[in-house]
């Protein structure tokens, strides 16, 4: 049995973003920003509702309101 630790490990099939880009603010993903999920374009356009560290609350057209870890689900900012 492997020892437990507090390090972040993505779920199988998920890819973690590099630590240098993990903070949502560094990516310009602040409240009011429009985003898309390139891995799931069917979600539609989303608007960031809140941002705390890597955790974003985003309201997507076709998926509704989701809490997303920007270090796990990389979002693309949509410029006006």
N, C-alpha and C. Protein backbone atom coordinates (compact mmCIF):
# COMPACT_ATOMS: atom_id res chain seq x y z
N UNK A 1 0.84 -1.18 0.00
CA UNK A 1 0.00 0.00 0.00
C UNK A 1 0.89 1.24 0.00
N UNK A 2 0.58 2.19 -0.85
CA UNK A 2 1.38 3.41 -0.96
C UNK A 2 1.08 4.34 0.20
N UNK A 3 2.09 5.05 0.69
CA UNK A 3 1.85 6.01 1.78
C UNK A 3 1.01 7.17 1.29
N UNK A 4 0.15 7.68 2.18
CA UNK A 4 -0.68 8.84 1.82
C UNK A 4 0.16 10.11 1.94
N UNK A 5 -0.11 11.04 1.04
CA UNK A 5 0.52 12.35 1.15
C UNK A 5 -0.48 13.40 0.68
N UNK A 6 -0.12 14.66 0.83
CA UNK A 6 -1.02 15.76 0.49
C UNK A 6 -0.76 16.33 -0.90
N UNK A 7 0.02 15.67 -1.72
CA UNK A 7 0.30 16.20 -3.05
C UNK A 7 -0.89 15.99 -3.96
N UNK A 8 -1.06 16.90 -4.88
CA UNK A 8 -2.17 16.84 -5.83
C UNK A 8 -1.85 15.82 -6.91
N UNK A 9 -2.78 14.93 -7.15
CA UNK A 9 -2.64 13.97 -8.24
C UNK A 9 -3.94 13.98 -9.02
N UNK A 10 -3.88 14.22 -10.33
CA UNK A 10 -5.12 14.24 -11.11
C UNK A 10 -5.75 12.86 -11.18
N UNK A 11 -7.04 12.84 -11.41
CA UNK A 11 -7.77 11.60 -11.61
C UNK A 11 -7.31 10.95 -12.91
N UNK A 12 -7.50 9.66 -13.08
CA UNK A 12 -7.13 9.01 -14.35
C UNK A 12 -7.82 9.70 -15.52
N UNK A 13 -7.06 9.99 -16.55
CA UNK A 13 -7.59 10.67 -17.72
C UNK A 13 -7.50 12.18 -17.65
N UNK A 14 -7.20 12.74 -16.48
CA UNK A 14 -7.05 14.19 -16.35
C UNK A 14 -5.57 14.54 -16.44
N UNK A 15 -5.31 15.73 -16.93
CA UNK A 15 -3.94 16.21 -17.04
C UNK A 15 -3.85 17.51 -16.25
N UNK A 16 -2.94 17.57 -15.31
CA UNK A 16 -2.77 18.77 -14.49
C UNK A 16 -1.96 19.81 -15.25
N UNK A 17 -2.36 21.06 -15.10
CA UNK A 17 -1.62 22.16 -15.71
C UNK A 17 -0.34 22.40 -14.91
N UNK A 18 0.70 22.92 -15.56
CA UNK A 18 1.92 23.23 -14.82
C UNK A 18 1.65 24.23 -13.70
N UNK A 19 2.37 24.11 -12.60
CA UNK A 19 2.17 24.98 -11.46
C UNK A 19 2.31 26.45 -11.83
N UNK A 20 3.15 26.77 -12.79
CA UNK A 20 3.38 28.16 -13.16
C UNK A 20 2.12 28.81 -13.74
N UNK A 21 1.19 28.04 -14.25
CA UNK A 21 -0.04 28.61 -14.82
C UNK A 21 -1.27 28.17 -14.05
N UNK A 22 -1.09 27.65 -12.86
CA UNK A 22 -2.21 27.12 -12.10
C UNK A 22 -3.13 28.21 -11.55
N UNK A 23 -2.61 29.35 -11.18
CA UNK A 23 -3.44 30.40 -10.60
C UNK A 23 -4.29 31.05 -11.67
N UNK A 24 -5.60 31.03 -11.46
CA UNK A 24 -6.54 31.55 -12.44
C UNK A 24 -6.28 33.02 -12.75
N UNK A 25 -5.91 33.80 -11.74
CA UNK A 25 -5.66 35.22 -11.96
C UNK A 25 -4.53 35.46 -12.94
N UNK A 26 -3.51 34.59 -12.93
CA UNK A 26 -2.40 34.75 -13.86
C UNK A 26 -2.85 34.55 -15.30
N UNK A 27 -3.92 33.80 -15.48
CA UNK A 27 -4.44 33.54 -16.81
C UNK A 27 -5.48 34.57 -17.24
N UNK A 28 -5.76 35.52 -16.37
CA UNK A 28 -6.77 36.52 -16.68
C UNK A 28 -8.18 35.98 -16.54
N UNK A 29 -8.34 34.90 -15.80
CA UNK A 29 -9.66 34.30 -15.62
C UNK A 29 -10.30 34.84 -14.35
N UNK A 30 -10.61 36.10 -14.38
CA UNK A 30 -11.22 36.79 -13.26
C UNK A 30 -12.72 36.91 -13.50
N UNK A 31 -13.50 37.20 -12.46
CA UNK A 31 -14.94 37.32 -12.64
C UNK A 31 -15.30 38.27 -13.79
N UNK A 32 -16.23 37.78 -14.61
CA UNK A 32 -16.66 38.54 -15.78
C UNK A 32 -16.02 38.08 -17.07
N UNK A 33 -14.88 37.37 -16.98
CA UNK A 33 -14.18 36.88 -18.17
C UNK A 33 -15.00 35.79 -18.86
N UNK A 34 -14.96 35.78 -20.18
CA UNK A 34 -15.63 34.74 -20.96
C UNK A 34 -14.61 33.68 -21.33
N UNK A 35 -15.03 32.40 -21.23
CA UNK A 35 -14.12 31.28 -21.45
C UNK A 35 -14.82 30.18 -22.25
N UNK A 36 -14.00 29.28 -22.76
CA UNK A 36 -14.48 28.04 -23.38
C UNK A 36 -13.60 26.92 -22.85
N UNK A 37 -14.14 25.71 -22.86
CA UNK A 37 -13.36 24.53 -22.51
C UNK A 37 -13.00 23.85 -23.82
N UNK A 38 -11.75 23.99 -24.30
CA UNK A 38 -11.35 23.40 -25.57
C UNK A 38 -11.55 21.88 -25.62
N UNK A 39 -11.48 21.21 -24.48
CA UNK A 39 -11.66 19.76 -24.44
C UNK A 39 -13.13 19.37 -24.57
N UNK A 40 -14.04 20.28 -24.25
CA UNK A 40 -15.49 20.02 -24.33
C UNK A 40 -16.20 21.23 -24.93
N UNK A 41 -16.05 21.46 -26.23
CA UNK A 41 -16.66 22.64 -26.85
C UNK A 41 -18.18 22.66 -26.76
N UNK A 42 -18.80 21.50 -26.53
CA UNK A 42 -20.26 21.44 -26.41
C UNK A 42 -20.78 22.19 -25.17
N UNK A 43 -19.89 22.48 -24.22
CA UNK A 43 -20.31 23.25 -23.05
C UNK A 43 -20.74 24.65 -23.44
N UNK A 44 -20.24 25.16 -24.57
CA UNK A 44 -20.58 26.50 -25.02
C UNK A 44 -19.76 27.56 -24.31
N UNK A 45 -20.17 28.79 -24.49
CA UNK A 45 -19.50 29.94 -23.89
C UNK A 45 -19.80 29.97 -22.39
N UNK A 46 -18.78 30.26 -21.61
CA UNK A 46 -18.96 30.37 -20.16
C UNK A 46 -18.48 31.71 -19.65
N UNK A 47 -19.05 32.14 -18.54
CA UNK A 47 -18.60 33.38 -17.90
C UNK A 47 -18.18 33.06 -16.48
N UNK A 48 -16.97 33.50 -16.13
CA UNK A 48 -16.44 33.28 -14.78
C UNK A 48 -17.27 34.11 -13.80
N UNK A 49 -17.80 33.42 -12.78
CA UNK A 49 -18.59 34.09 -11.75
C UNK A 49 -17.74 34.45 -10.54
N UNK A 50 -16.80 33.56 -10.19
CA UNK A 50 -15.90 33.83 -9.07
C UNK A 50 -14.60 33.08 -9.28
N UNK A 51 -13.55 33.57 -8.59
CA UNK A 51 -12.22 33.00 -8.72
C UNK A 51 -11.53 33.06 -7.37
N UNK A 52 -11.14 31.88 -6.84
CA UNK A 52 -10.40 31.80 -5.59
C UNK A 52 -9.25 30.83 -5.84
N UNK A 53 -8.04 31.37 -5.98
CA UNK A 53 -6.89 30.51 -6.30
C UNK A 53 -7.11 29.84 -7.64
N UNK A 54 -7.08 28.50 -7.64
CA UNK A 54 -7.30 27.74 -8.88
C UNK A 54 -8.76 27.41 -9.10
N UNK A 55 -9.59 27.63 -8.11
CA UNK A 55 -11.01 27.26 -8.19
C UNK A 55 -11.82 28.38 -8.84
N UNK A 56 -12.52 28.02 -9.91
CA UNK A 56 -13.36 28.97 -10.63
C UNK A 56 -14.80 28.48 -10.62
N UNK A 57 -15.74 29.39 -10.46
CA UNK A 57 -17.14 29.08 -10.69
C UNK A 57 -17.47 29.70 -12.03
N UNK A 58 -17.90 28.86 -12.97
CA UNK A 58 -18.17 29.30 -14.34
C UNK A 58 -19.58 28.88 -14.72
N UNK A 59 -20.32 29.81 -15.32
CA UNK A 59 -21.67 29.51 -15.80
C UNK A 59 -21.58 29.32 -17.32
N UNK A 60 -21.75 28.06 -17.77
CA UNK A 60 -21.68 27.72 -19.20
C UNK A 60 -23.07 27.68 -19.81
N UNK A 61 -23.15 28.05 -21.09
CA UNK A 61 -24.42 28.05 -21.82
C UNK A 61 -25.13 26.71 -21.75
N UNK A 62 -24.41 25.63 -22.03
CA UNK A 62 -25.04 24.33 -22.18
C UNK A 62 -24.75 23.35 -21.04
N UNK A 63 -23.98 23.78 -20.05
CA UNK A 63 -23.60 22.88 -18.96
C UNK A 63 -24.04 23.43 -17.61
N UNK A 64 -24.42 24.69 -17.57
CA UNK A 64 -24.82 25.30 -16.32
C UNK A 64 -23.62 25.76 -15.50
N UNK A 65 -23.86 25.98 -14.22
CA UNK A 65 -22.82 26.50 -13.33
C UNK A 65 -21.97 25.34 -12.80
N UNK A 66 -20.65 25.47 -12.99
CA UNK A 66 -19.71 24.45 -12.56
C UNK A 66 -18.58 25.07 -11.75
N UNK A 67 -18.07 24.33 -10.77
CA UNK A 67 -16.86 24.73 -10.06
C UNK A 67 -15.73 23.93 -10.69
N UNK A 68 -14.73 24.66 -11.19
CA UNK A 68 -13.64 24.06 -11.97
C UNK A 68 -12.31 24.36 -11.33
N UNK A 69 -11.44 23.37 -11.29
CA UNK A 69 -10.05 23.56 -10.86
C UNK A 69 -9.25 23.89 -12.12
N UNK A 70 -8.80 25.13 -12.24
CA UNK A 70 -8.08 25.57 -13.44
C UNK A 70 -6.77 24.83 -13.63
N UNK A 71 -6.28 24.16 -12.62
CA UNK A 71 -5.08 23.35 -12.75
C UNK A 71 -5.36 21.99 -13.37
N UNK A 72 -6.63 21.60 -13.43
CA UNK A 72 -7.01 20.31 -13.98
C UNK A 72 -7.73 20.48 -15.32
N UNK A 73 -8.64 21.45 -15.37
CA UNK A 73 -9.41 21.73 -16.59
C UNK A 73 -8.94 23.07 -17.17
N UNK A 74 -8.05 23.02 -18.16
CA UNK A 74 -7.57 24.28 -18.73
C UNK A 74 -8.65 24.93 -19.58
N UNK A 75 -8.95 26.18 -19.27
CA UNK A 75 -9.95 26.94 -19.99
C UNK A 75 -9.26 27.95 -20.90
N UNK A 76 -9.89 28.25 -22.02
CA UNK A 76 -9.37 29.25 -22.95
C UNK A 76 -10.19 30.52 -22.80
N UNK A 77 -9.50 31.61 -22.55
CA UNK A 77 -10.18 32.91 -22.44
C UNK A 77 -10.66 33.32 -23.82
N UNK A 78 -11.87 33.86 -23.88
CA UNK A 78 -12.45 34.37 -25.12
C UNK A 78 -12.42 35.89 -25.03
N UNK A 79 -11.60 36.51 -25.87
CA UNK A 79 -11.51 37.96 -25.85
C UNK A 79 -12.69 38.57 -26.61
N UNK A 80 -13.16 39.69 -26.10
CA UNK A 80 -14.33 40.36 -26.72
C UNK A 80 -14.11 40.69 -28.15
